[in-house]
């Protein structure tokens, strides 16, 4: 029961965040999803409903959240994306989410 309640709270937080965060082509949204095993991140253009760049810890050479942020920043740089808005997906901004954000910032993304 606690897991369902925790996920319900996360979804409510995510809805609050999404009401304010909107990605455009010049400044896409960095969306994060975290399962029990893996972390997924993607840059989304909400105006055109397109995923511009996606990466996860399942990709070759990516073992941690920090590395995932760097890999995503590198893919974004190839598409000439520098500025983004961060959508933490309703998760608290600590732990793996914080490490992903640090890796993305050090990789060259500005948010």
C-alpha atoms as a PDB file:
ATOM      1  CA  UNK A   1       0.000   0.000   0.000  1.00  0.00           C
ATOM      2  CA  UNK A   2       2.838   2.406   0.772  1.00  0.00           C
ATOM      3  CA  UNK A   3       4.284   2.048  -2.757  1.00  0.00           C
ATOM      4  CA  UNK A   4       0.975   2.975  -4.387  1.00  0.00           C
ATOM      5  CA  UNK A   5       0.587   5.949  -2.063  1.00  0.00           C
ATOM      6  CA  UNK A   6       4.168   7.085  -2.752  1.00  0.00           C
ATOM      7  CA  UNK A   7       3.669   6.831  -6.521  1.00  0.00           C
ATOM      8  CA  UNK A   8       0.351   8.673  -6.287  1.00  0.00           C
ATOM      9  CA  UNK A   9       2.119  11.512  -4.481  1.00  0.00           C
ATOM     10  CA  UNK A  10       4.871  11.542  -7.140  1.00  0.00           C
ATOM     11  CA  UNK A  11       2.294  11.773  -9.932  1.00  0.00           C
ATOM     12  CA  UNK A  12       0.588  14.685  -8.154  1.00  0.00           C
ATOM     13  CA  UNK A  13       3.955  16.488  -7.818  1.00  0.00           C
ATOM     14  CA  UNK A  14       4.678  15.771 -11.478  1.00  0.00           C
ATOM     15  CA  UNK A  15       1.370  17.312 -12.548  1.00  0.00           C
ATOM     16  CA  UNK A  16       2.172  20.460 -10.543  1.00  0.00           C
ATOM     17  CA  UNK A  17       5.588  20.724 -12.200  1.00  0.00           C
ATOM     18  CA  UNK A  18       4.200  20.084 -15.687  1.00  0.00           C
ATOM     19  CA  UNK A  19       1.641  22.853 -15.259  1.00  0.00           C
ATOM     20  CA  UNK A  20       4.552  25.323 -15.157  1.00  0.00           C
ATOM     21  CA  UNK A  21       7.284  23.673 -17.258  1.00  0.00           C
ATOM     22  CA  UNK A  22       6.917  23.710 -21.053  1.00  0.00           C
ATOM     23  CA  UNK A  23       9.624  22.912 -23.592  1.00  0.00           C
ATOM     24  CA  UNK A  24       9.958  24.731 -26.904  1.00  0.00           C
ATOM     25  CA  UNK A  25      12.291  23.969 -29.800  1.00  0.00           C
ATOM     26  CA  UNK A  26      14.877  26.550 -28.689  1.00  0.00           C
ATOM     27  CA  UNK A  27      14.690  25.395 -25.044  1.00  0.00           C
ATOM     28  CA  UNK A  28      13.418  21.795 -24.777  1.00  0.00           C
ATOM     29  CA  UNK A  29      12.306  20.069 -21.580  1.00  0.00           C
ATOM     30  CA  UNK A  30      14.641  17.541 -19.967  1.00  0.00           C
ATOM     31  CA  UNK A  31      12.224  14.891 -18.710  1.00  0.00           C
ATOM     32  CA  UNK A  32      13.436  12.266 -16.232  1.00  0.00           C
ATOM     33  CA  UNK A  33      11.873   8.898 -15.399  1.00  0.00           C
ATOM     34  CA  UNK A  34      13.280   6.619 -12.751  1.00  0.00           C
ATOM     35  CA  UNK A  35      12.285   2.973 -12.307  1.00  0.00           C
ATOM     36  CA  UNK A  36      13.571   0.679  -9.590  1.00  0.00           C
ATOM     37  CA  UNK A  37      16.432  -0.445 -11.849  1.00  0.00           C
ATOM     38  CA  UNK A  38      17.042   2.189 -14.510  1.00  0.00           C
ATOM     39  CA  UNK A  39      16.935   5.921 -15.239  1.00  0.00           C
ATOM     40  CA  UNK A  40      15.706   7.385 -18.518  1.00  0.00           C
ATOM     41  CA  UNK A  41      16.070  10.985 -19.714  1.00  0.00           C
ATOM     42  CA  UNK A  42      14.916  12.741 -22.848  1.00  0.00           C
ATOM     43  CA  UNK A  43      14.773  16.221 -24.327  1.00  0.00           C
ATOM     44  CA  UNK A  44      11.259  16.992 -25.521  1.00  0.00           C
ATOM     45  CA  UNK A  45       9.902  19.772 -27.738  1.00  0.00           C
ATOM     46  CA  UNK A  46       6.368  20.175 -26.346  1.00  0.00           C
ATOM     47  CA  UNK A  47       5.250  22.548 -29.115  1.00  0.00           C
ATOM     48  CA  UNK A  48       5.682  19.858 -31.765  1.00  0.00           C
ATOM     49  CA  UNK A  49       5.345  16.843 -29.416  1.00  0.00           C
ATOM     50  CA  UNK A  50       8.724  15.478 -30.514  1.00  0.00           C
ATOM     51  CA  UNK A  51      11.514  13.791 -28.611  1.00  0.00           C
ATOM     52  CA  UNK A  52      14.734  15.444 -29.766  1.00  0.00           C
ATOM     53  CA  UNK A  53      17.292  13.422 -27.776  1.00  0.00           C
ATOM     54  CA  UNK A  54      16.916  10.379 -25.523  1.00  0.00           C
ATOM     55  CA  UNK A  55      19.308   8.396 -23.364  1.00  0.00           C
ATOM     56  CA  UNK A  56      19.209   5.916 -20.496  1.00  0.00           C
ATOM     57  CA  UNK A  57      21.533   3.889 -18.298  1.00  0.00           C
ATOM     58  CA  UNK A  58      20.880   1.020 -20.720  1.00  0.00           C
ATOM     59  CA  UNK A  59      23.027   2.804 -23.334  1.00  0.00           C
ATOM     60  CA  UNK A  60      26.547   1.517 -23.866  1.00  0.00           C
ATOM     61  CA  UNK A  61      29.102   3.219 -21.614  1.00  0.00           C
ATOM     62  CA  UNK A  62      26.499   4.787 -19.307  1.00  0.00           C
ATOM     63  CA  UNK A  63      26.573   3.254 -15.830  1.00  0.00           C
ATOM     64  CA  UNK A  64      25.370   5.977 -13.463  1.00  0.00           C
ATOM     65  CA  UNK A  65      23.022   8.943 -13.339  1.00  0.00           C
ATOM     66  CA  UNK A  66      25.972  11.333 -13.551  1.00  0.00           C
ATOM     67  CA  UNK A  67      27.242   9.639 -16.724  1.00  0.00           C
ATOM     68  CA  UNK A  68      23.710   9.685 -18.124  1.00  0.00           C
ATOM     69  CA  UNK A  69      23.579  13.475 -17.741  1.00  0.00           C
ATOM     70  CA  UNK A  70      26.912  13.822 -19.537  1.00  0.00           C
ATOM     71  CA  UNK A  71      25.865  11.471 -22.350  1.00  0.00           C
ATOM     72  CA  UNK A  72      22.606  13.357 -22.823  1.00  0.00           C
ATOM     73  CA  UNK A  73      24.482  16.684 -22.885  1.00  0.00           C
ATOM     74  CA  UNK A  74      26.830  15.317 -25.546  1.00  0.00           C
ATOM     75  CA  UNK A  75      23.922  14.157 -27.736  1.00  0.00           C
ATOM     76  CA  UNK A  76      22.240  17.554 -27.238  1.00  0.00           C
ATOM     77  CA  UNK A  77      25.437  19.367 -28.242  1.00  0.00           C
ATOM     78  CA  UNK A  78      25.473  17.357 -31.487  1.00  0.00           C
ATOM     79  CA  UNK A  79      22.003  18.772 -32.209  1.00  0.00           C
ATOM     80  CA  UNK A  80      23.146  22.272 -31.145  1.00  0.00           C
ATOM     81  CA  UNK A  81      20.971  22.377 -28.021  1.00  0.00           C
ATOM     82  CA  UNK A  82      22.485  24.315 -25.112  1.00  0.00           C
ATOM     83  CA  UNK A  83      19.572  25.680 -23.061  1.00  0.00           C
ATOM     84  CA  UNK A  84      16.926  23.462 -21.501  1.00  0.00           C
ATOM     85  CA  UNK A  85      14.269  23.447 -18.783  1.00  0.00           C
ATOM     86  CA  UNK A  86      14.516  20.676 -16.193  1.00  0.00           C
ATOM     87  CA  UNK A  87      11.497  18.474 -15.460  1.00  0.00           C
ATOM     88  CA  UNK A  88      12.340  16.277 -12.494  1.00  0.00           C
ATOM     89  CA  UNK A  89       9.260  14.109 -13.084  1.00  0.00           C
ATOM     90  CA  UNK A  90       7.845  14.590  -9.600  1.00  0.00           C
ATOM     91  CA  UNK A  91      10.927  13.088  -7.957  1.00  0.00           C
ATOM     92  CA  UNK A  92      12.677  14.954  -5.178  1.00  0.00           C
ATOM     93  CA  UNK A  93      15.758  16.857  -6.335  1.00  0.00           C
ATOM     94  CA  UNK A  94      18.366  14.742  -4.578  1.00  0.00           C
ATOM     95  CA  UNK A  95      20.224  11.493  -5.109  1.00  0.00           C
ATOM     96  CA  UNK A  96      20.145  10.186  -8.669  1.00  0.00           C
ATOM     97  CA  UNK A  97      18.109  13.115 -10.013  1.00  0.00           C
ATOM     98  CA  UNK A  98      20.650  15.580  -8.585  1.00  0.00           C
ATOM     99  CA  UNK A  99      23.548  13.576 -10.051  1.00  0.00           C
ATOM    100  CA  UNK A 100      21.890  13.520 -13.482  1.00  0.00           C
ATOM    101  CA  UNK A 101      21.454  17.307 -13.317  1.00  0.00           C
ATOM    102  CA  UNK A 102      25.111  17.784 -12.288  1.00  0.00           C
ATOM    103  CA  UNK A 103      26.299  15.609 -15.160  1.00  0.00           C
ATOM    104  CA  UNK A 104      24.130  17.500 -17.635  1.00  0.00           C
ATOM    105  CA  UNK A 105      25.355  20.899 -16.385  1.00  0.00           C
ATOM    106  CA  UNK A 106      28.995  19.859 -16.518  1.00  0.00           C
ATOM    107  CA  UNK A 107      28.367  18.422 -19.979  1.00  0.00           C
ATOM    108  CA  UNK A 108      27.393  21.875 -21.210  1.00  0.00           C
ATOM    109  CA  UNK A 109      23.629  22.148 -20.773  1.00  0.00           C
ATOM    110  CA  UNK A 110      22.351  25.405 -19.266  1.00  0.00           C
ATOM    111  CA  UNK A 111      19.288  25.387 -16.974  1.00  0.00           C
END
